[in-house]
PDB file of N, CA and C in Angstrom:
ATOM      1  N   MET A   1      12.341  -1.540 -13.560  1.00  0.00           N
ATOM      2  CA  MET A   1      11.124  -1.042 -14.158  1.00  0.00           C
ATOM      3  C   MET A   1      10.129  -0.613 -13.066  1.00  0.00           C
ATOM      4  N   TYR A   2      10.009  -1.473 -12.051  1.00  0.00           N
ATOM      5  CA  TYR A   2       9.064  -1.193 -10.973  1.00  0.00           C
ATOM      6  C   TYR A   2       9.450   0.077 -10.226  1.00  0.00           C
ATOM      7  N   GLU A   3      10.736   0.237  -9.956  1.00  0.00           N
ATOM      8  CA  GLU A   3      11.199   1.404  -9.210  1.00  0.00           C
ATOM      9  C   GLU A   3      11.000   2.694 -10.004  1.00  0.00           C
ATOM     10  N   ILE A   4      11.217   2.631 -11.313  1.00  0.00           N
ATOM     11  CA  ILE A   4      11.021   3.816 -12.163  1.00  0.00           C
ATOM     12  C   ILE A   4       9.556   4.227 -12.166  1.00  0.00           C
ATOM     13  N   LEU A   5       8.660   3.243 -12.310  1.00  0.00           N
ATOM     14  CA  LEU A   5       7.230   3.550 -12.289  1.00  0.00           C
ATOM     15  C   LEU A   5       6.802   4.094 -10.927  1.00  0.00           C
ATOM     16  N   LEU A   6       7.406   3.605  -9.875  1.00  0.00           N
ATOM     17  CA  LEU A   6       7.076   4.088  -8.540  1.00  0.00           C
ATOM     18  C   LEU A   6       7.502   5.543  -8.341  1.00  0.00           C
ATOM     19  N   VAL A   7       8.663   5.910  -8.870  1.00  0.00           N
ATOM     20  CA  VAL A   7       9.120   7.305  -8.784  1.00  0.00           C
ATOM     21  C   VAL A   7       8.205   8.212  -9.604  1.00  0.00           C
ATOM     22  N   ILE A   8       7.840   7.778 -10.797  1.00  0.00           N
ATOM     23  CA  ILE A   8       6.915   8.561 -11.635  1.00  0.00           C
ATOM     24  C   ILE A   8       5.571   8.707 -10.932  1.00  0.00           C
ATOM     25  N   TYR A   9       5.129   7.642 -10.301  1.00  0.00           N
ATOM     26  CA  TYR A   9       3.861   7.649  -9.565  1.00  0.00           C
ATOM     27  C   TYR A   9       3.878   8.695  -8.447  1.00  0.00           C
ATOM     28  N   LEU A  10       4.970   8.748  -7.707  1.00  0.00           N
ATOM     29  CA  LEU A  10       5.073   9.721  -6.628  1.00  0.00           C
ATOM     30  C   LEU A  10       5.135  11.153  -7.156  1.00  0.00           C
ATOM     31  N   ILE A  11       5.840  11.372  -8.258  1.00  0.00           N
ATOM     32  CA  ILE A  11       5.916  12.710  -8.851  1.00  0.00           C
ATOM     33  C   ILE A  11       4.546  13.160  -9.335  1.00  0.00           C
ATOM     34  N   VAL A  12       3.824  12.257  -9.995  1.00  0.00           N
ATOM     35  CA  VAL A  12       2.476  12.583 -10.482  1.00  0.00           C
ATOM     36  C   VAL A  12       1.548  12.870  -9.301  1.00  0.00           C
ATOM     37  N   ALA A  13       1.677  12.100  -8.224  1.00  0.00           N
ATOM     38  CA  ALA A  13       0.827  12.323  -7.051  1.00  0.00           C
ATOM     39  C   ALA A  13       1.082  13.706  -6.447  1.00  0.00           C
ATOM     40  N   LEU A  14       2.351  14.076  -6.320  1.00  0.00           N
ATOM     41  CA  LEU A  14       2.666  15.402  -5.770  1.00  0.00           C
ATOM     42  C   LEU A  14       2.204  16.522  -6.698  1.00  0.00           C
ATOM     43  N   ALA A  15       2.372  16.336  -8.001  1.00  0.00           N
ATOM     44  CA  ALA A  15       1.907  17.352  -8.954  1.00  0.00           C
ATOM     45  C   ALA A  15       0.384  17.482  -8.914  1.00  0.00           C
ATOM     46  N   LEU A  16      -0.308  16.366  -8.778  1.00  0.00           N
ATOM     47  CA  LEU A  16      -1.768  16.397  -8.697  1.00  0.00           C
ATOM     48  C   LEU A  16      -2.228  17.122  -7.444  1.00  0.00           C
ATOM     49  N   ILE A  17      -1.569  16.879  -6.336  1.00  0.00           N
ATOM     50  CA  ILE A  17      -1.896  17.588  -5.099  1.00  0.00           C
ATOM     51  C   ILE A  17      -1.675  19.090  -5.273  1.00  0.00           C
ATOM     52  N   GLY A  18      -0.552  19.454  -5.889  1.00  0.00           N
ATOM     53  CA  GLY A  18      -0.257  20.866  -6.118  1.00  0.00           C
ATOM     54  C   GLY A  18      -1.288  21.543  -7.007  1.00  0.00           C
ATOM     55  N   PHE A  19      -1.684  20.888  -8.105  1.00  0.00           N
ATOM     56  CA  PHE A  19      -2.654  21.497  -9.020  1.00  0.00           C
ATOM     57  C   PHE A  19      -4.035  21.612  -8.378  1.00  0.00           C
ATOM     58  N   VAL A  20      -4.408  20.661  -7.549  1.00  0.00           N
ATOM     59  CA  VAL A  20      -5.705  20.756  -6.883  1.00  0.00           C
ATOM     60  C   VAL A  20      -5.700  21.910  -5.878  1.00  0.00           C
ATOM     61  N   LEU A  21      -4.573  22.096  -5.177  1.00  0.00           N
ATOM     62  CA  LEU A  21      -4.507  23.182  -4.199  1.00  0.00           C
ATOM     63  C   LEU A  21      -4.435  24.566  -4.855  1.00  0.00           C
ATOM     64  N   ILE A  22      -3.859  24.645  -6.044  1.00  0.00           N
ATOM     65  CA  ILE A  22      -3.736  25.930  -6.728  1.00  0.00           C
ATOM     66  C   ILE A  22      -5.073  26.408  -7.293  1.00  0.00           C
ATOM     67  N   GLN A  23      -5.942  25.487  -7.673  1.00  0.00           N
ATOM     68  CA  GLN A  23      -7.192  25.869  -8.332  1.00  0.00           C
ATOM     69  C   GLN A  23      -8.075  26.705  -7.416  1.00  0.00           C
ATOM     70  N   GLN A  24      -8.795  27.617  -8.041  1.00  0.00           N
ATOM     71  CA  GLN A  24      -9.727  28.454  -7.308  1.00  0.00           C
ATOM     72  C   GLN A  24     -11.053  27.727  -7.174  1.00  0.00           C
ATOM     73  N   GLY A  25     -11.753  28.044  -6.116  1.00  0.00           N
ATOM     74  CA  GLY A  25     -13.068  27.458  -5.913  1.00  0.00           C
ATOM     75  C   GLY A  25     -14.100  28.056  -6.847  1.00  0.00           C
ATOM     76  N   LYS A  26     -15.289  27.485  -6.854  1.00  0.00           N
ATOM     77  CA  LYS A  26     -16.365  27.982  -7.730  1.00  0.00           C
ATOM     78  C   LYS A  26     -16.828  29.379  -7.316  1.00  0.00           C
ATOM     79  N   GLY A  27     -16.746  29.708  -6.062  1.00  0.00           N
ATOM     80  CA  GLY A  27     -17.187  31.012  -5.594  1.00  0.00           C
ATOM     81  C   GLY A  27     -16.254  32.143  -5.986  1.00  0.00           C
ATOM     82  N   ALA A  28     -15.026  31.863  -6.352  1.00  0.00           N
ATOM     83  CA  ALA A  28     -14.074  32.906  -6.712  1.00  0.00           C
ATOM     84  C   ALA A  28     -14.330  33.452  -8.114  1.00  0.00           C
ATOM     85  N   ASP A  29     -15.067  32.743  -8.935  1.00  0.00           N
ATOM     86  CA  ASP A  29     -15.340  33.209 -10.297  1.00  0.00           C
ATOM     87  C   ASP A  29     -16.219  34.451 -10.314  1.00  0.00           C
ATOM     88  N   MET A  30     -17.131  34.574  -9.387  1.00  0.00           N
ATOM     89  CA  MET A  30     -18.035  35.725  -9.368  1.00  0.00           C
ATOM     90  C   MET A  30     -17.267  37.011  -9.074  1.00  0.00           C
ATOM     91  N   GLY A  31     -16.330  36.982  -8.152  1.00  0.00           N
ATOM     92  CA  GLY A  31     -15.556  38.175  -7.826  1.00  0.00           C
ATOM     93  C   GLY A  31     -14.641  38.580  -8.966  1.00  0.00           C
ATOM     94  N   SER A  32     -14.112  37.631  -9.702  1.00  0.00           N
ATOM     95  CA  SER A  32     -13.216  37.968 -10.794  1.00  0.00           C
ATOM     96  C   SER A  32     -13.971  38.511 -12.000  1.00  0.00           C
ATOM     97  N   SER A  33     -15.240  38.217 -12.117  1.00  0.00           N
ATOM     98  CA  SER A  33     -16.000  38.729 -13.260  1.00  0.00           C
ATOM     99  C   SER A  33     -16.306  40.219 -13.118  1.00  0.00           C
ATOM    100  N   PHE A  34     -16.220  40.794 -11.924  1.00  0.00           N
ATOM    101  CA  PHE A  34     -16.463  42.212 -11.718  1.00  0.00           C
ATOM    102  C   PHE A  34     -15.184  43.029 -11.723  1.00  0.00           C
ATOM    103  N   GLY A  35     -14.137  42.532 -12.350  1.00  0.00           N
ATOM    104  CA  GLY A  35     -12.924  43.310 -12.488  1.00  0.00           C
ATOM    105  C   GLY A  35     -11.984  43.205 -11.308  1.00  0.00           C
ATOM    106  N   ALA A  36     -11.840  42.031 -10.750  1.00  0.00           N
ATOM    107  CA  ALA A  36     -10.963  41.863  -9.607  1.00  0.00           C
ATOM    108  C   ALA A  36      -9.535  41.562 -10.035  1.00  0.00           C
ATOM    109  N   GLY A  37      -9.193  41.869 -11.268  1.00  0.00           N
ATOM    110  CA  GLY A  37      -7.834  41.692 -11.729  1.00  0.00           C
ATOM    111  C   GLY A  37      -7.560  40.337 -12.356  1.00  0.00           C
ATOM    112  N   ALA A  38      -8.578  39.646 -12.785  1.00  0.00           N
ATOM    113  CA  ALA A  38      -8.371  38.323 -13.369  1.00  0.00           C
ATOM    114  C   ALA A  38      -7.708  38.410 -14.740  1.00  0.00           C
ATOM    115  N   SER A  39      -7.904  39.513 -15.451  1.00  0.00           N
ATOM    116  CA  SER A  39      -7.303  39.633 -16.773  1.00  0.00           C
ATOM    117  C   SER A  39      -5.795  39.850 -16.686  1.00  0.00           C
ATOM    118  N   ALA A  40      -5.290  40.232 -15.517  1.00  0.00           N
ATOM    119  CA  ALA A  40      -3.860  40.462 -15.351  1.00  0.00           C
ATOM    120  C   ALA A  40      -3.127  39.218 -14.860  1.00  0.00           C
ATOM    121  N   THR A  41      -3.825  38.096 -14.741  1.00  0.00           N
ATOM    122  CA  THR A  41      -3.178  36.872 -14.267  1.00  0.00           C
ATOM    123  C   THR A  41      -2.380  36.237 -15.390  1.00  0.00           C
ATOM    124  N   VAL A  42      -1.637  35.207 -15.071  1.00  0.00           N
ATOM    125  CA  VAL A  42      -0.769  34.540 -16.039  1.00  0.00           C
ATOM    126  C   VAL A  42      -1.580  33.889 -17.153  1.00  0.00           C
ATOM    127  N   PHE A  43      -2.717  33.277 -16.806  1.00  0.00           N
ATOM    128  CA  PHE A  43      -3.493  32.521 -17.786  1.00  0.00           C
ATOM    129  C   PHE A  43      -4.605  33.344 -18.435  1.00  0.00           C
ATOM    130  N   GLY A  44      -4.781  34.570 -18.049  1.00  0.00           N
ATOM    131  CA  GLY A  44      -5.870  35.371 -18.593  1.00  0.00           C
ATOM    132  C   GLY A  44      -7.139  35.157 -17.784  1.00  0.00           C
ATOM    133  N   SER A  45      -8.235  35.784 -18.198  1.00  0.00           N
ATOM    134  CA  SER A  45      -9.468  35.711 -17.416  1.00  0.00           C
ATOM    135  C   SER A  45     -10.167  34.369 -17.564  1.00  0.00           C
ATOM    136  N   SER A  46     -10.112  33.732 -18.722  1.00  0.00           N
ATOM    137  CA  SER A  46     -10.820  32.461 -18.887  1.00  0.00           C
ATOM    138  C   SER A  46      -9.873  31.284 -19.106  1.00  0.00           C
ATOM    139  N   GLY A  47      -8.609  31.564 -19.365  1.00  0.00           N
ATOM    140  CA  GLY A  47      -7.676  30.487 -19.675  1.00  0.00           C
ATOM    141  C   GLY A  47      -7.265  29.661 -18.478  1.00  0.00           C
ATOM    142  N   ALA A  48      -7.362  30.198 -17.265  1.00  0.00           N
ATOM    143  CA  ALA A  48      -6.902  29.466 -16.086  1.00  0.00           C
ATOM    144  C   ALA A  48      -7.755  28.237 -15.835  1.00  0.00           C
ATOM    145  N   GLY A  49      -9.035  28.358 -15.987  1.00  0.00           N
ATOM    146  CA  GLY A  49      -9.935  27.231 -15.746  1.00  0.00           C
ATOM    147  C   GLY A  49      -9.668  26.084 -16.699  1.00  0.00           C
ATOM    148  N   ASN A  50      -9.528  26.402 -17.982  1.00  0.00           N
ATOM    149  CA  ASN A  50      -9.319  25.345 -18.958  1.00  0.00           C
ATOM    150  C   ASN A  50      -7.962  24.670 -18.779  1.00  0.00           C
ATOM    151  N   PHE A  51      -6.916  25.484 -18.602  1.00  0.00           N
ATOM    152  CA  PHE A  51      -5.580  24.910 -18.444  1.00  0.00           C
ATOM    153  C   PHE A  51      -5.491  24.071 -17.176  1.00  0.00           C
ATOM    154  N   MET A  52      -5.963  24.618 -16.068  1.00  0.00           N
ATOM    155  CA  MET A  52      -5.882  23.907 -14.802  1.00  0.00           C
ATOM    156  C   MET A  52      -6.765  22.657 -14.800  1.00  0.00           C
ATOM    157  N   THR A  53      -7.944  22.768 -15.377  1.00  0.00           N
ATOM    158  CA  THR A  53      -8.853  21.627 -15.417  1.00  0.00           C
ATOM    159  C   THR A  53      -8.285  20.507 -16.280  1.00  0.00           C
ATOM    160  N   LYS A  54      -7.747  20.859 -17.431  1.00  0.00           N
ATOM    161  CA  LYS A  54      -7.192  19.837 -18.326  1.00  0.00           C
ATOM    162  C   LYS A  54      -5.946  19.183 -17.721  1.00  0.00           C
ATOM    163  N   THR A  55      -5.112  19.989 -17.086  1.00  0.00           N
ATOM    164  CA  THR A  55      -3.908  19.436 -16.468  1.00  0.00           C
ATOM    165  C   THR A  55      -4.263  18.522 -15.298  1.00  0.00           C
ATOM    166  N   THR A  56      -5.225  18.935 -14.489  1.00  0.00           N
ATOM    167  CA  THR A  56      -5.650  18.110 -13.366  1.00  0.00           C
ATOM    168  C   THR A  56      -6.269  16.805 -13.865  1.00  0.00           C
ATOM    169  N   THR A  57      -7.060  16.879 -14.909  1.00  0.00           N
ATOM    170  CA  THR A  57      -7.668  15.673 -15.485  1.00  0.00           C
ATOM    171  C   THR A  57      -6.600  14.732 -16.025  1.00  0.00           C
ATOM    172  N   LEU A  58      -5.610  15.295 -16.711  1.00  0.00           N
ATOM    173  CA  LEU A  58      -4.525  14.474 -17.250  1.00  0.00           C
ATOM    174  C   LEU A  58      -3.718  13.816 -16.124  1.00  0.00           C
ATOM    175  N   LEU A  59      -3.378  14.589 -15.099  1.00  0.00           N
ATOM    176  CA  LEU A  59      -2.618  14.030 -13.978  1.00  0.00           C
ATOM    177  C   LEU A  59      -3.416  12.962 -13.229  1.00  0.00           C
ATOM    178  N   ALA A  60      -4.714  13.179 -13.063  1.00  0.00           N
ATOM    179  CA  ALA A  60      -5.548  12.185 -12.380  1.00  0.00           C
ATOM    180  C   ALA A  60      -5.633  10.894 -13.196  1.00  0.00           C
ATOM    181  N   THR A  61      -5.736  11.018 -14.518  1.00  0.00           N
ATOM    182  CA  THR A  61      -5.791   9.834 -15.383  1.00  0.00           C
ATOM    183  C   THR A  61      -4.478   9.053 -15.318  1.00  0.00           C
ATOM    184  N   VAL A  62      -3.348   9.763 -15.383  1.00  0.00           N
ATOM    185  CA  VAL A  62      -2.039   9.108 -15.294  1.00  0.00           C
ATOM    186  C   VAL A  62      -1.872   8.460 -13.921  1.00  0.00           C
ATOM    187  N   PHE A  63      -2.348   9.128 -12.872  1.00  0.00           N
ATOM    188  CA  PHE A  63      -2.260   8.585 -11.516  1.00  0.00           C
ATOM    189  C   PHE A  63      -3.012   7.267 -11.396  1.00  0.00           C
ATOM    190  N   PHE A  64      -4.238   7.209 -11.924  1.00  0.00           N
ATOM    191  CA  PHE A  64      -5.019   5.980 -11.805  1.00  0.00           C
ATOM    192  C   PHE A  64      -4.477   4.864 -12.688  1.00  0.00           C
ATOM    193  N   VAL A  65      -3.973   5.202 -13.870  1.00  0.00           N
ATOM    194  CA  VAL A  65      -3.381   4.179 -14.738  1.00  0.00           C
ATOM    195  C   VAL A  65      -2.129   3.603 -14.082  1.00  0.00           C
ATOM    196  N   LEU A  66      -1.289   4.466 -13.536  1.00  0.00           N
ATOM    197  CA  LEU A  66      -0.098   3.980 -12.838  1.00  0.00           C
ATOM    198  C   LEU A  66      -0.460   3.159 -11.605  1.00  0.00           C
ATOM    199  N   SER A  67      -1.542   3.521 -10.927  1.00  0.00           N
ATOM    200  CA  SER A  67      -1.989   2.739  -9.775  1.00  0.00           C
ATOM    201  C   SER A  67      -2.337   1.321 -10.182  1.00  0.00           C
ATOM    202  N   ILE A  68      -3.048   1.178 -11.283  1.00  0.00           N
ATOM    203  CA  ILE A  68      -3.435  -0.150 -11.765  1.00  0.00           C
ATOM    204  C   ILE A  68      -2.209  -0.939 -12.216  1.00  0.00           C
ATOM    205  N   VAL A  69      -1.297  -0.292 -12.942  1.00  0.00           N
ATOM    206  CA  VAL A  69      -0.096  -0.982 -13.432  1.00  0.00           C
ATOM    207  C   VAL A  69       0.778  -1.430 -12.263  1.00  0.00           C
ATOM    208  N   LEU A  70       0.998  -0.547 -11.292  1.00  0.00           N
ATOM    209  CA  LEU A  70       1.817  -0.911 -10.133  1.00  0.00           C
ATOM    210  C   LEU A  70       1.147  -2.001  -9.296  1.00  0.00           C
ATOM    211  N   GLY A  71      -0.169  -1.960  -9.212  1.00  0.00           N
ATOM    212  CA  GLY A  71      -0.889  -3.011  -8.494  1.00  0.00           C
ATOM    213  C   GLY A  71      -0.731  -4.365  -9.160  1.00  0.00           C
ATOM    214  N   ASN A  72      -0.807  -4.390 -10.484  1.00  0.00           N
ATOM    215  CA  ASN A  72      -0.631  -5.651 -11.213  1.00  0.00           C
ATOM    216  C   ASN A  72       0.796  -6.154 -11.107  1.00  0.00           C
ATOM    217  N   LEU A  73       1.770  -5.260 -11.154  1.00  0.00           N
ATOM    218  CA  LEU A  73       3.166  -5.682 -11.020  1.00  0.00           C
ATOM    219  C   LEU A  73       3.447  -6.223  -9.617  1.00  0.00           C
ATOM    220  N   THR A  74       2.853  -5.604  -8.617  1.00  0.00           N
ATOM    221  CA  THR A  74       3.056  -6.056  -7.250  1.00  0.00           C
ATOM    222  C   THR A  74       2.400  -7.412  -7.027  1.00  0.00           C
ATOM    223  N   ALA A  75       1.223  -7.613  -7.582  1.00  0.00           N
ATOM    224  CA  ALA A  75       0.523  -8.890  -7.406  1.00  0.00           C
ATOM    225  C   ALA A  75       1.248 -10.021  -8.127  1.00  0.00           C
ATOM    226  N   GLY A  76       1.975  -9.718  -9.182  1.00  0.00           N
ATOM    227  CA  GLY A  76       2.676 -10.744  -9.934  1.00  0.00           C
ATOM    228  C   GLY A  76       4.030 -11.107  -9.386  1.00  0.00           C
ATOM    229  N   GLN A  77       4.535 -10.349  -8.412  1.00  0.00           N
ATOM    230  CA  GLN A  77       5.862 -10.621  -7.866  1.00  0.00           C
ATOM    231  C   GLN A  77       5.824 -11.833  -6.949  1.00  0.00           C
ATOM    232  N   ILE A  78       6.903 -12.595  -6.972  1.00  0.00           N
ATOM    233  CA  ILE A  78       7.049 -13.747  -6.091  1.00  0.00           C
ATOM    234  C   ILE A  78       7.690 -13.253  -4.798  1.00  0.00           C
ATOM    235  N   LYS A  79       7.190 -13.741  -3.680  1.00  0.00           N
ATOM    236  CA  LYS A  79       7.759 -13.336  -2.405  1.00  0.00           C
ATOM    237  C   LYS A  79       9.170 -13.876  -2.297  1.00  0.00           C
ATOM    238  N   LYS A  80      10.084 -13.010  -1.916  1.00  0.00           N
ATOM    239  CA  LYS A  80      11.478 -13.402  -1.805  1.00  0.00           C
ATOM    240  C   LYS A  80      11.769 -14.120  -0.491  1.00  0.00           C
ATOM    241  N   THR A  81      10.964 -13.885   0.520  1.00  0.00           N
ATOM    242  CA  THR A  81      11.144 -14.569   1.797  1.00  0.00           C
ATOM    243  C   THR A  81       9.854 -15.268   2.167  1.00  0.00           C
ATOM    244  N   ASP A  82      10.001 -16.363   2.829  1.00  0.00           N
ATOM    245  CA  ASP A  82       8.854 -17.135   3.258  1.00  0.00           C
ATOM    246  C   ASP A  82       8.689 -16.957   4.760  1.00  0.00           C
ATOM    247  N   GLU A  83       7.457 -16.803   5.193  1.00  0.00           N
ATOM    248  CA  GLU A  83       7.213 -16.595   6.619  1.00  0.00           C
ATOM    249  C   GLU A  83       7.639 -17.804   7.437  1.00  0.00           C
ATOM    250  N   TRP A  84       7.576 -18.986   6.869  1.00  0.00           N
ATOM    251  CA  TRP A  84       7.865 -20.218   7.612  1.00  0.00           C
ATOM    252  C   TRP A  84       9.361 -20.424   7.818  1.00  0.00           C
ATOM    253  N   GLU A  85      10.194 -19.748   7.056  1.00  0.00           N
ATOM    254  CA  GLU A  85      11.635 -19.892   7.234  1.00  0.00           C
ATOM    255  C   GLU A  85      12.084 -19.361   8.587  1.00  0.00           C
ATOM    256  N   ASN A  86      11.393 -18.369   9.097  1.00  0.00           N
ATOM    257  CA  ASN A  86      11.759 -17.790  10.384  1.00  0.00           C
ATOM    258  C   ASN A  86      11.432 -18.726  11.549  1.00  0.00           C
ATOM    259  N   LEU A  87      10.567 -19.692  11.328  1.00  0.00           N
ATOM    260  CA  LEU A  87      10.134 -20.571  12.400  1.00  0.00           C
ATOM    261  C   LEU A  87      11.002 -21.822  12.535  1.00  0.00           C
ATOM    262  N   GLN A  88      11.983 -22.023  11.681  1.00  0.00           N
ATOM    263  CA  GLN A  88      12.791 -23.229  11.725  1.00  0.00           C
ATOM    264  C   GLN A  88      13.656 -23.293  12.981  1.00  0.00           C
ATOM    265  N   ALA A  89      13.993 -22.200  13.570  1.00  0.00           N
ATOM    266  CA  ALA A  89      14.822 -22.190  14.768  1.00  0.00           C
ATOM    267  C   ALA A  89      14.017 -22.514  16.024  1.00  0.00           C
ATOM    268  N   ALA A  90      12.693 -22.546  15.909  1.00  0.00           N
ATOM    269  CA  ALA A  90      11.838 -22.819  17.056  1.00  0.00           C
ATOM    270  C   ALA A  90      11.965 -24.290  17.452  1.00  0.00           C
ATOM    271  N   PRO A  91      11.773 -24.620  18.729  1.00  0.00           N
ATOM    272  CA  PRO A  91      11.853 -26.021  19.149  1.00  0.00           C
ATOM    273  C   PRO A  91      10.733 -26.843  18.521  1.00  0.00           C
ATOM    274  N   ALA A  92      11.055 -28.100  18.256  1.00  0.00           N
ATOM    275  CA  ALA A  92      10.078 -28.978  17.616  1.00  0.00           C
ATOM    276  C   ALA A  92       8.986 -29.342  18.607  1.00  0.00           C
ATOM    277  N   VAL A  93       7.774 -29.406  18.108  1.00  0.00           N
ATOM    278  CA  VAL A  93       6.628 -29.771  18.922  1.00  0.00           C
ATOM    279  C   VAL A  93       6.225 -31.186  18.536  1.00  0.00           C
ATOM    280  N   GLU A  94       6.004 -32.022  19.511  1.00  0.00           N
ATOM    281  CA  GLU A  94       5.638 -33.407  19.240  1.00  0.00           C
ATOM    282  C   GLU A  94       4.179 -33.463  18.844  1.00  0.00           C
ATOM    283  N   THR A  95       3.910 -34.057  17.712  1.00  0.00           N
ATOM    284  CA  THR A  95       2.540 -34.157  17.232  1.00  0.00           C
ATOM    285  C   THR A  95       1.924 -35.470  17.685  1.00  0.00           C
ATOM    286  N   VAL A  96       0.657 -35.635  17.457  1.00  0.00           N
ATOM    287  CA  VAL A  96      -0.053 -36.847  17.868  1.00  0.00           C
ATOM    288  C   VAL A  96       0.468 -38.050  17.106  1.00  0.00           C
ATOM    289  N   SER A  97       0.753 -37.914  15.820  1.00  0.00           N
ATOM    290  CA  SER A  97       1.223 -39.046  15.036  1.00  0.00           C
ATOM    291  C   SER A  97       2.606 -39.499  15.495  1.00  0.00           C
ATOM    292  N   GLU A  98       3.477 -38.573  15.897  1.00  0.00           N
ATOM    293  CA  GLU A  98       4.790 -38.947  16.399  1.00  0.00           C
ATOM    294  C   GLU A  98       4.660 -39.639  17.747  1.00  0.00           C
ATOM    295  N   ALA A  99       3.732 -39.191  18.580  1.00  0.00           N
ATOM    296  CA  ALA A  99       3.536 -39.807  19.888  1.00  0.00           C
ATOM    297  C   ALA A  99       2.972 -41.214  19.742  1.00  0.00           C
ATOM    298  N   ALA A 100       2.175 -41.470  18.731  1.00  0.00           N
ATOM    299  CA  ALA A 100       1.585 -42.792  18.526  1.00  0.00           C
ATOM    300  C   ALA A 100       2.633 -43.798  18.061  1.00  0.00           C
ATOM    301  N   ASN A 101       3.676 -43.362  17.393  1.00  0.00           N
ATOM    302  CA  ASN A 101       4.714 -44.263  16.897  1.00  0.00           C
ATOM    303  C   ASN A 101       5.712 -44.669  17.970  1.00  0.00           C
ATOM    304  N   GLU A 102       5.734 -43.948  19.067  1.00  0.00           N
ATOM    305  CA  GLU A 102       6.695 -44.257  20.113  1.00  0.00           C
ATOM    306  C   GLU A 102       6.218 -45.437  20.954  1.00  0.00           C
ATOM    307  N   VAL A 103       7.173 -46.224  21.422  1.00  0.00           N
ATOM    308  CA  VAL A 103       6.863 -47.352  22.297  1.00  0.00           C
ATOM    309  C   VAL A 103       6.780 -46.825  23.718  1.00  0.00           C
ATOM    310  N   PRO A 104       5.694 -47.149  24.426  1.00  0.00           N
ATOM    311  CA  PRO A 104       5.597 -46.651  25.799  1.00  0.00           C
ATOM    312  C   PRO A 104       6.637 -47.321  26.692  1.00  0.00           C
ATOM    313  N   VAL A 105       7.214 -46.531  27.550  1.00  0.00           N
ATOM    314  CA  VAL A 105       8.233 -47.019  28.472  1.00  0.00           C
ATOM    315  C   VAL A 105       7.565 -47.269  29.813  1.00  0.00           C
ATOM    316  N   GLU A 106       7.801 -48.475  30.359  1.00  0.00           N
ATOM    317  CA  GLU A 106       7.203 -48.780  31.652  1.00  0.00           C
ATOM    318  C   GLU A 106       7.992 -48.096  32.756  1.00  0.00           C
ATOM    319  N   GLU A 107       7.262 -47.531  33.685  1.00  0.00           N
ATOM    320  CA  GLU A 107       7.905 -46.891  34.816  1.00  0.00           C
ATOM    321  C   GLU A 107       8.315 -47.959  35.821  1.00  0.00           C
ATOM    322  N   PRO A 108       9.410 -47.747  36.513  1.00  0.00           N
ATOM    323  CA  PRO A 108       9.821 -48.744  37.516  1.00  0.00           C
ATOM    324  C   PRO A 108       8.806 -48.817  38.650  1.00  0.00           C
ATOM    325  N   LYS A 109       8.632 -50.019  39.142  1.00  0.00           N
ATOM    326  CA  LYS A 109       7.653 -50.211  40.213  1.00  0.00           C
ATOM    327  C   LYS A 109       8.215 -49.681  41.525  1.00  0.00           C
ATOM    328  N   SER A 110       7.327 -49.118  42.264  1.00  0.00           N
ATOM    329  CA  SER A 110       7.725 -48.520  43.527  1.00  0.00           C
ATOM    330  C   SER A 110       8.041 -49.608  44.557  1.00  0.00           C
ATOM    331  N   THR A 111       9.071 -49.385  45.352  1.00  0.00           N
ATOM    332  CA  THR A 111       9.407 -50.312  46.427  1.00  0.00           C
ATOM    333  C   THR A 111       8.757 -49.928  47.752  1.00  0.00           C
ATOM    334  N   ASN A 112       8.080 -48.818  47.732  1.00  0.00           N
ATOM    335  CA  ASN A 112       7.420 -48.357  48.935  1.00  0.00           C
ATOM    336  C   ASN A 112       6.128 -49.164  49.120  1.00  0.00           C
ATOM    337  N   PRO A 113       5.920 -49.807  50.268  1.00  0.00           N
ATOM    338  CA  PRO A 113       4.723 -50.640  50.446  1.00  0.00           C
ATOM    339  C   PRO A 113       3.437 -49.807  50.598  1.00  0.00           C
ATOM    340  N   ASP A 114       3.552 -48.526  50.891  1.00  0.00           N
ATOM    341  CA  ASP A 114       2.360 -47.697  51.062  1.00  0.00           C
ATOM    342  C   ASP A 114       1.760 -47.244  49.727  1.00  0.00           C
ATOM    343  N   VAL A 115       2.554 -47.264  48.664  1.00  0.00           N
ATOM    344  CA  VAL A 115       2.085 -46.783  47.350  1.00  0.00           C
ATOM    345  C   VAL A 115       1.630 -48.000  46.541  1.00  0.00           C
ATOM    346  N   PRO A 116       0.382 -47.997  46.068  1.00  0.00           N
ATOM    347  CA  PRO A 116      -0.072 -49.144  45.259  1.00  0.00           C
ATOM    348  C   PRO A 116       0.594 -49.128  43.881  1.00  0.00           C
ATOM    349  N   ASN A 117       0.789 -50.319  43.309  1.00  0.00           N
ATOM    350  CA  ASN A 117       1.418 -50.440  41.989  1.00  0.00           C
ATOM    351  C   ASN A 117       0.446 -50.331  40.874  1.00  0.00           C
TER     352      ASN A 117
END
C-alpha cells in the first residue's frame, strides 16, 4: 500500500511541475487579447486559463493530501532495525558499578630497598 501511494505521489508531483511550467504568466494575457493567435490554440482564447488553473489546483490538492497520508503512514511504521544492534560487536566498557563489585588485588611488594612500599 505504501509503495503504491509513493508511486502515485511521484507521478502527481511530476504532473504538477509540468502543469506549472506550461502555464502562461499574467503578462502574456495582454498580448493575446490583441489577436496574437490565442483563438487558434488547443483550449481556445479563454479556456486555457480555466482548464489549466483547475487542473493545477486539483493536482496540488492531491499532492498535499498524499503528503499527509504518507507522513502518517511513515510515522506509524515500526523501525525494522535498531541502532543499538550494531554496537554489540564493540568491546565492553567497564562501568563504575562493575568496578565497585570487584575485589582489589594487592600488588606484590617490591624487593628493591630503594623503592618505598
